[in-house]
All heavy atoms as atom14 arrays in JSON, in Angstrom:
{
  "sequence": "RRGIDQALDYARALGTRRVHVMAGLREADTPYEA",
  "atom14_mask": [
    [1, 1, 1, 1, 1, 1, 1, 1, 1, 1, 1, 0, 0, 0],
    [1, 1, 1, 1, 1, 1, 1, 1, 1, 1, 1, 0, 0, 0],
    [1, 1, 1, 1, 0, 0, 0, 0, 0, 0, 0, 0, 0, 0],
    [1, 1, 1, 1, 1, 1, 1, 1, 0, 0, 0, 0, 0, 0],
    [1, 1, 1, 1, 1, 1, 1, 1, 0, 0, 0, 0, 0, 0],
    [1, 1, 1, 1, 1, 1, 1, 1, 1, 0, 0, 0, 0, 0],
    [1, 1, 1, 1, 1, 0, 0, 0, 0, 0, 0, 0, 0, 0],
    [1, 1, 1, 1, 1, 1, 1, 1, 0, 0, 0, 0, 0, 0],
    [1, 1, 1, 1, 1, 1, 1, 1, 0, 0, 0, 0, 0, 0],
    [1, 1, 1, 1, 1, 1, 1, 1, 1, 1, 1, 1, 0, 0],
    [1, 1, 1, 1, 1, 0, 0, 0, 0, 0, 0, 0, 0, 0],
    [1, 1, 1, 1, 1, 1, 1, 1, 1, 1, 1, 0, 0, 0],
    [1, 1, 1, 1, 1, 0, 0, 0, 0, 0, 0, 0, 0, 0],
    [1, 1, 1, 1, 1, 1, 1, 1, 0, 0, 0, 0, 0, 0],
    [1, 1, 1, 1, 0, 0, 0, 0, 0, 0, 0, 0, 0, 0],
    [1, 1, 1, 1, 1, 1, 1, 0, 0, 0, 0, 0, 0, 0],
    [1, 1, 1, 1, 1, 1, 1, 1, 1, 1, 1, 0, 0, 0],
    [1, 1, 1, 1, 1, 1, 1, 1, 1, 1, 1, 0, 0, 0],
    [1, 1, 1, 1, 1, 1, 1, 0, 0, 0, 0, 0, 0, 0],
    [1, 1, 1, 1, 1, 1, 1, 1, 1, 1, 0, 0, 0, 0],
    [1, 1, 1, 1, 1, 1, 1, 0, 0, 0, 0, 0, 0, 0],
    [1, 1, 1, 1, 1, 1, 1, 1, 0, 0, 0, 0, 0, 0],
    [1, 1, 1, 1, 1, 0, 0, 0, 0, 0, 0, 0, 0, 0],
    [1, 1, 1, 1, 0, 0, 0, 0, 0, 0, 0, 0, 0, 0],
    [1, 1, 1, 1, 1, 1, 1, 1, 0, 0, 0, 0, 0, 0],
    [1, 1, 1, 1, 1, 1, 1, 1, 1, 1, 1, 0, 0, 0],
    [1, 1, 1, 1, 1, 1, 1, 1, 1, 0, 0, 0, 0, 0],
    [1, 1, 1, 1, 1, 0, 0, 0, 0, 0, 0, 0, 0, 0],
    [1, 1, 1, 1, 1, 1, 1, 1, 0, 0, 0, 0, 0, 0],
    [1, 1, 1, 1, 1, 1, 1, 0, 0, 0, 0, 0, 0, 0],
    [1, 1, 1, 1, 1, 1, 1, 0, 0, 0, 0, 0, 0, 0],
    [1, 1, 1, 1, 1, 1, 1, 1, 1, 1, 1, 1, 0, 0],
    [1, 1, 1, 1, 1, 1, 1, 1, 1, 0, 0, 0, 0, 0],
    [1, 1, 1, 1, 1, 0, 0, 0, 0, 0, 0, 0, 0, 0]
  ],
  "atom14_positions": [
    [[-23.32, 17.95, 112.29], [-23.01, 19.38, 112.39], [-24.1, 20.23, 111.77], [-24.44, 21.31, 112.31], [-21.65, 19.65, 111.74], [-20.49, 19.05, 112.52], [-19.14, 19.46, 112.0], [-18.07, 18.95, 112.85], [-16.84, 19.4, 112.87], [-16.5, 20.42, 112.08], [-15.94, 18.88, 113.68], [0.0, 0.0, 0.0], [0.0, 0.0, 0.0], [0.0, 0.0, 0.0]],
    [[-24.68, 19.78, 110.67], [-25.82, 20.52, 110.11], [-26.99, 20.56, 111.08], [-27.67, 21.58, 111.2], [-26.25, 19.9, 108.78], [-25.25, 20.08, 107.65], [-25.86, 19.75, 106.3], [-26.34, 18.38, 106.22], [-25.58, 17.35, 105.83], [-24.31, 17.54, 105.49], [-26.09, 16.12, 105.76], [0.0, 0.0, 0.0], [0.0, 0.0, 0.0], [0.0, 0.0, 0.0]],
    [[-27.21, 19.46, 111.77], [-28.27, 19.4, 112.75], [-28.03, 20.36, 113.91], [-28.97, 21.03, 114.39], [0.0, 0.0, 0.0], [0.0, 0.0, 0.0], [0.0, 0.0, 0.0], [0.0, 0.0, 0.0], [0.0, 0.0, 0.0], [0.0, 0.0, 0.0], [0.0, 0.0, 0.0], [0.0, 0.0, 0.0], [0.0, 0.0, 0.0], [0.0, 0.0, 0.0]],
    [[-26.79, 20.43, 114.38], [-26.48, 21.37, 115.45], [-26.68, 22.78, 114.97], [-27.21, 23.65, 115.71], [-25.05, 21.14, 115.97], [-24.92, 19.78, 116.66], [-24.63, 22.27, 116.91], [-25.81, 19.61, 117.88], [0.0, 0.0, 0.0], [0.0, 0.0, 0.0], [0.0, 0.0, 0.0], [0.0, 0.0, 0.0], [0.0, 0.0, 0.0], [0.0, 0.0, 0.0]],
    [[-26.27, 23.09, 113.77], [-26.48, 24.43, 113.22], [-27.97, 24.78, 113.21], [-28.37, 25.9, 113.56], [-25.91, 24.53, 111.81], [-24.4, 24.56, 111.77], [-23.79, 24.85, 112.81], [-23.82, 24.29, 110.69], [0.0, 0.0, 0.0], [0.0, 0.0, 0.0], [0.0, 0.0, 0.0], [0.0, 0.0, 0.0], [0.0, 0.0, 0.0], [0.0, 0.0, 0.0]],
    [[-28.8, 23.82, 112.79], [-30.24, 24.06, 112.77], [-30.77, 24.28, 114.19], [-31.59, 25.19, 114.44], [-30.98, 22.9, 112.11], [-32.49, 23.12, 112.02], [-33.23, 21.92, 111.42], [-32.71, 20.81, 111.4], [-34.44, 22.15, 110.94], [0.0, 0.0, 0.0], [0.0, 0.0, 0.0], [0.0, 0.0, 0.0], [0.0, 0.0, 0.0], [0.0, 0.0, 0.0]],
    [[-30.33, 23.44, 115.14], [-30.79, 23.58, 116.51], [-30.4, 24.94, 117.08], [-31.2, 25.6, 117.77], [-30.21, 22.45, 117.36], [0.0, 0.0, 0.0], [0.0, 0.0, 0.0], [0.0, 0.0, 0.0], [0.0, 0.0, 0.0], [0.0, 0.0, 0.0], [0.0, 0.0, 0.0], [0.0, 0.0, 0.0], [0.0, 0.0, 0.0], [0.0, 0.0, 0.0]],
    [[-29.2, 25.38, 116.8], [-28.75, 26.67, 117.32], [-29.52, 27.82, 116.68], [-29.81, 28.83, 117.32], [-27.24, 26.83, 117.14], [-26.37, 25.87, 117.96], [-24.91, 26.12, 117.68], [-26.67, 26.01, 119.46], [0.0, 0.0, 0.0], [0.0, 0.0, 0.0], [0.0, 0.0, 0.0], [0.0, 0.0, 0.0], [0.0, 0.0, 0.0], [0.0, 0.0, 0.0]],
    [[-29.86, 27.68, 115.39], [-30.69, 28.7, 114.74], [-32.04, 28.81, 115.46], [-32.52, 29.92, 115.74], [-30.92, 28.33, 113.28], [-29.7, 28.59, 112.4], [-28.77, 29.31, 112.85], [-29.67, 28.07, 111.27], [0.0, 0.0, 0.0], [0.0, 0.0, 0.0], [0.0, 0.0, 0.0], [0.0, 0.0, 0.0], [0.0, 0.0, 0.0], [0.0, 0.0, 0.0]],
    [[-32.65, 27.66, 115.76], [-33.94, 27.67, 116.46], [-33.77, 28.24, 117.88], [-34.6, 29.03, 118.34], [-34.54, 26.27, 116.5], [-35.52, 26.01, 115.4], [-35.1, 25.8, 114.09], [-36.89, 25.95, 115.67], [-36.01, 25.56, 113.08], [-37.8, 25.71, 114.67], [-37.37, 25.51, 113.35], [-38.28, 25.27, 112.36], [0.0, 0.0, 0.0], [0.0, 0.0, 0.0]],
    [[-32.72, 27.8, 118.57], [-32.5, 28.27, 119.94], [-32.33, 29.79, 119.96], [-32.88, 30.48, 120.84], [-31.28, 27.57, 120.55], [0.0, 0.0, 0.0], [0.0, 0.0, 0.0], [0.0, 0.0, 0.0], [0.0, 0.0, 0.0], [0.0, 0.0, 0.0], [0.0, 0.0, 0.0], [0.0, 0.0, 0.0], [0.0, 0.0, 0.0], [0.0, 0.0, 0.0]],
    [[-31.61, 30.29, 119.01], [-31.41, 31.76, 118.92], [-32.72, 32.47, 118.7], [-33.01, 33.47, 119.36], [-30.42, 32.03, 117.78], [-29.91, 33.47, 117.72], [-28.98, 33.65, 116.54], [-27.91, 32.66, 116.52], [-27.78, 31.72, 115.59], [-28.67, 31.58, 114.62], [-26.76, 30.88, 115.65], [0.0, 0.0, 0.0], [0.0, 0.0, 0.0], [0.0, 0.0, 0.0]],
    [[-33.5, 31.96, 117.78], [-34.77, 32.61, 117.46], [-35.79, 32.5, 118.58], [-36.58, 33.43, 118.8], [-35.36, 31.97, 116.18], [0.0, 0.0, 0.0], [0.0, 0.0, 0.0], [0.0, 0.0, 0.0], [0.0, 0.0, 0.0], [0.0, 0.0, 0.0], [0.0, 0.0, 0.0], [0.0, 0.0, 0.0], [0.0, 0.0, 0.0], [0.0, 0.0, 0.0]],
    [[-35.77, 31.41, 119.31], [-36.77, 31.14, 120.34], [-36.34, 31.61, 121.73], [-37.16, 31.63, 122.66], [-37.09, 29.66, 120.4], [-37.65, 29.03, 119.11], [-37.77, 27.53, 119.25], [-39.01, 29.65, 118.77], [0.0, 0.0, 0.0], [0.0, 0.0, 0.0], [0.0, 0.0, 0.0], [0.0, 0.0, 0.0], [0.0, 0.0, 0.0], [0.0, 0.0, 0.0]],
    [[-35.06, 31.95, 121.88], [-34.58, 32.32, 123.2], [-34.36, 31.14, 124.11], [-34.3, 31.29, 125.35], [0.0, 0.0, 0.0], [0.0, 0.0, 0.0], [0.0, 0.0, 0.0], [0.0, 0.0, 0.0], [0.0, 0.0, 0.0], [0.0, 0.0, 0.0], [0.0, 0.0, 0.0], [0.0, 0.0, 0.0], [0.0, 0.0, 0.0], [0.0, 0.0, 0.0]],
    [[-34.2, 29.95, 123.55], [-34.0, 28.73, 124.33], [-32.51, 28.61, 124.67], [-31.65, 28.75, 123.81], [-34.44, 27.5, 123.53], [-35.83, 27.66, 123.2], [-34.27, 26.22, 124.33], [0.0, 0.0, 0.0], [0.0, 0.0, 0.0], [0.0, 0.0, 0.0], [0.0, 0.0, 0.0], [0.0, 0.0, 0.0], [0.0, 0.0, 0.0], [0.0, 0.0, 0.0]],
    [[-32.21, 28.29, 125.93], [-30.82, 28.27, 126.39], [-30.27, 26.87, 126.59], [-29.09, 26.71, 126.93], [-30.68, 29.05, 127.72], [-31.08, 30.5, 127.67], [-30.14, 31.32, 126.83], [-30.57, 31.39, 125.43], [-29.84, 31.85, 124.44], [-28.62, 32.27, 124.63], [-30.33, 31.88, 123.2], [0.0, 0.0, 0.0], [0.0, 0.0, 0.0], [0.0, 0.0, 0.0]],
    [[-31.1, 25.83, 126.36], [-30.64, 24.46, 126.55], [-31.05, 23.59, 125.37], [-32.25, 23.59, 125.0], [-31.18, 23.87, 127.86], [-30.45, 24.4, 129.09], [-31.16, 24.06, 130.38], [-30.33, 24.42, 131.53], [-30.13, 25.67, 131.95], [-30.69, 26.67, 131.33], [-29.35, 25.89, 133.01], [0.0, 0.0, 0.0], [0.0, 0.0, 0.0], [0.0, 0.0, 0.0]],
    [[-30.1, 22.84, 124.82], [-30.37, 21.95, 123.72], [-29.82, 20.57, 124.08], [-28.66, 20.42, 124.43], [-29.72, 22.44, 122.41], [-29.88, 21.41, 121.31], [-30.33, 23.78, 121.98], [0.0, 0.0, 0.0], [0.0, 0.0, 0.0], [0.0, 0.0, 0.0], [0.0, 0.0, 0.0], [0.0, 0.0, 0.0], [0.0, 0.0, 0.0], [0.0, 0.0, 0.0]],
    [[-30.69, 19.56, 124.0], [-30.28, 18.18, 124.31], [-29.78, 17.52, 123.02], [-30.48, 17.52, 122.02], [-31.49, 17.42, 124.88], [-31.26, 15.95, 125.0], [-32.25, 15.01, 124.82], [-30.13, 15.23, 125.31], [-31.77, 13.81, 125.0], [-30.49, 13.9, 125.29], [0.0, 0.0, 0.0], [0.0, 0.0, 0.0], [0.0, 0.0, 0.0], [0.0, 0.0, 0.0]],
    [[-28.6, 16.92, 123.12], [-28.02, 16.21, 121.96], [-28.09, 14.7, 122.28], [-27.45, 14.21, 123.21], [-26.56, 16.64, 121.75], [-25.89, 15.77, 120.68], [-26.51, 18.13, 121.35], [0.0, 0.0, 0.0], [0.0, 0.0, 0.0], [0.0, 0.0, 0.0], [0.0, 0.0, 0.0], [0.0, 0.0, 0.0], [0.0, 0.0, 0.0], [0.0, 0.0, 0.0]],
    [[-28.87, 13.99, 121.49], [-29.04, 12.56, 121.71], [-27.83, 11.79, 121.2], [-27.29, 12.1, 120.13], [-30.31, 12.06, 121.01], [-31.58, 12.7, 121.57], [-33.1, 11.9, 120.94], [-33.07, 10.36, 121.88], [0.0, 0.0, 0.0], [0.0, 0.0, 0.0], [0.0, 0.0, 0.0], [0.0, 0.0, 0.0], [0.0, 0.0, 0.0], [0.0, 0.0, 0.0]],
    [[-27.45, 10.78, 121.93], [-26.23, 10.02, 121.62], [-26.41, 9.13, 120.41], [-25.52, 9.03, 119.53], [-25.81, 9.18, 122.81], [0.0, 0.0, 0.0], [0.0, 0.0, 0.0], [0.0, 0.0, 0.0], [0.0, 0.0, 0.0], [0.0, 0.0, 0.0], [0.0, 0.0, 0.0], [0.0, 0.0, 0.0], [0.0, 0.0, 0.0], [0.0, 0.0, 0.0]],
    [[-27.54, 8.41, 120.35], [-27.74, 7.42, 119.31], [-27.67, 6.01, 119.85], [-27.32, 5.76, 121.01], [0.0, 0.0, 0.0], [0.0, 0.0, 0.0], [0.0, 0.0, 0.0], [0.0, 0.0, 0.0], [0.0, 0.0, 0.0], [0.0, 0.0, 0.0], [0.0, 0.0, 0.0], [0.0, 0.0, 0.0], [0.0, 0.0, 0.0], [0.0, 0.0, 0.0]],
    [[-28.01, 5.05, 119.0], [-28.04, 3.64, 119.37], [-26.73, 2.94, 119.02], [-25.99, 3.37, 118.12], [-29.19, 2.95, 118.61], [-30.57, 3.55, 118.77], [-31.59, 2.78, 117.95], [-31.01, 3.62, 120.23], [0.0, 0.0, 0.0], [0.0, 0.0, 0.0], [0.0, 0.0, 0.0], [0.0, 0.0, 0.0], [0.0, 0.0, 0.0], [0.0, 0.0, 0.0]],
    [[-26.44, 1.89, 119.74], [-25.26, 1.07, 119.44], [-25.39, 0.44, 118.06], [-26.47, -0.02, 117.67], [-25.1, -0.03, 120.49], [-24.68, 0.46, 121.85], [-23.18, 0.76, 121.91], [-22.39, -0.46, 121.82], [-21.61, -0.79, 120.79], [-21.51, -0.03, 119.71], [-20.92, -1.92, 120.79], [0.0, 0.0, 0.0], [0.0, 0.0, 0.0], [0.0, 0.0, 0.0]],
    [[-24.29, 0.46, 117.33], [-24.24, -0.15, 116.0], [-23.53, -1.51, 116.1], [-22.44, -1.6, 116.67], [-23.48, 0.75, 115.02], [-24.2, 2.05, 114.72], [-23.52, 2.82, 113.6], [-22.27, 2.94, 113.64], [-24.22, 3.3, 112.7], [0.0, 0.0, 0.0], [0.0, 0.0, 0.0], [0.0, 0.0, 0.0], [0.0, 0.0, 0.0], [0.0, 0.0, 0.0]],
    [[-24.17, -2.51, 115.56], [-23.64, -3.89, 115.7], [-22.24, -4.02, 115.08], [-21.42, -4.79, 115.58], [-24.6, -4.87, 115.06], [0.0, 0.0, 0.0], [0.0, 0.0, 0.0], [0.0, 0.0, 0.0], [0.0, 0.0, 0.0], [0.0, 0.0, 0.0], [0.0, 0.0, 0.0], [0.0, 0.0, 0.0], [0.0, 0.0, 0.0], [0.0, 0.0, 0.0]],
    [[-21.98, -3.3, 114.01], [-20.71, -3.47, 113.31], [-19.65, -2.43, 113.7], [-18.58, -2.38, 113.07], [-20.96, -3.37, 111.8], [-21.86, -4.5, 111.3], [-21.84, -5.59, 111.9], [-22.6, -4.28, 110.32], [0.0, 0.0, 0.0], [0.0, 0.0, 0.0], [0.0, 0.0, 0.0], [0.0, 0.0, 0.0], [0.0, 0.0, 0.0], [0.0, 0.0, 0.0]],
    [[-19.95, -1.62, 114.72], [-19.01, -0.58, 115.14], [-18.56, -0.86, 116.57], [-19.42, -0.99, 117.46], [-19.63, 0.83, 115.05], [-20.12, 1.04, 113.75], [-18.61, 1.89, 115.4], [0.0, 0.0, 0.0], [0.0, 0.0, 0.0], [0.0, 0.0, 0.0], [0.0, 0.0, 0.0], [0.0, 0.0, 0.0], [0.0, 0.0, 0.0], [0.0, 0.0, 0.0]],
    [[-17.28, -0.95, 116.84], [-16.82, -1.17, 118.22], [-17.32, -0.06, 119.15], [-17.4, 1.11, 118.74], [-15.29, -1.16, 118.1], [-15.01, -1.52, 116.69], [-16.15, -0.93, 115.88], [0.0, 0.0, 0.0], [0.0, 0.0, 0.0], [0.0, 0.0, 0.0], [0.0, 0.0, 0.0], [0.0, 0.0, 0.0], [0.0, 0.0, 0.0], [0.0, 0.0, 0.0]],
    [[-17.62, -0.44, 120.38], [-18.14, 0.54, 121.36], [-17.19, 1.74, 121.5], [-17.62, 2.89, 121.52], [-18.33, -0.13, 122.7], [-18.65, 0.86, 123.81], [-19.91, 1.38, 123.94], [-17.66, 1.24, 124.71], [-20.23, 2.3, 124.93], [-17.93, 2.16, 125.72], [-19.22, 2.69, 125.82], [-19.48, 3.6, 126.81], [0.0, 0.0, 0.0], [0.0, 0.0, 0.0]],
    [[-15.9, 1.45, 121.59], [-14.95, 2.54, 121.81], [-14.96, 3.52, 120.63], [-14.79, 4.73, 120.81], [-13.54, 2.02, 122.06], [-13.38, 1.39, 123.44], [-13.73, 2.37, 124.56], [-13.45, 3.58, 124.42], [-14.28, 1.93, 125.57], [0.0, 0.0, 0.0], [0.0, 0.0, 0.0], [0.0, 0.0, 0.0], [0.0, 0.0, 0.0], [0.0, 0.0, 0.0]],
    [[-15.13, 3.0, 119.41], [-15.18, 3.89, 118.25], [-16.4, 4.78, 118.33], [-16.36, 5.98, 118.0], [-15.21, 3.08, 116.95], [0.0, 0.0, 0.0], [0.0, 0.0, 0.0], [0.0, 0.0, 0.0], [0.0, 0.0, 0.0], [0.0, 0.0, 0.0], [0.0, 0.0, 0.0], [0.0, 0.0, 0.0], [0.0, 0.0, 0.0], [0.0, 0.0, 0.0]]
  ]
}
């Protein structure tokens, strides 16, 4: 959430209308559904 806040601050300042949110990598100890 802090990262999204930072991205939106930059988007607002730069006039950017699209922000890509990366999903992340699979964690060996975390079930896929979780």
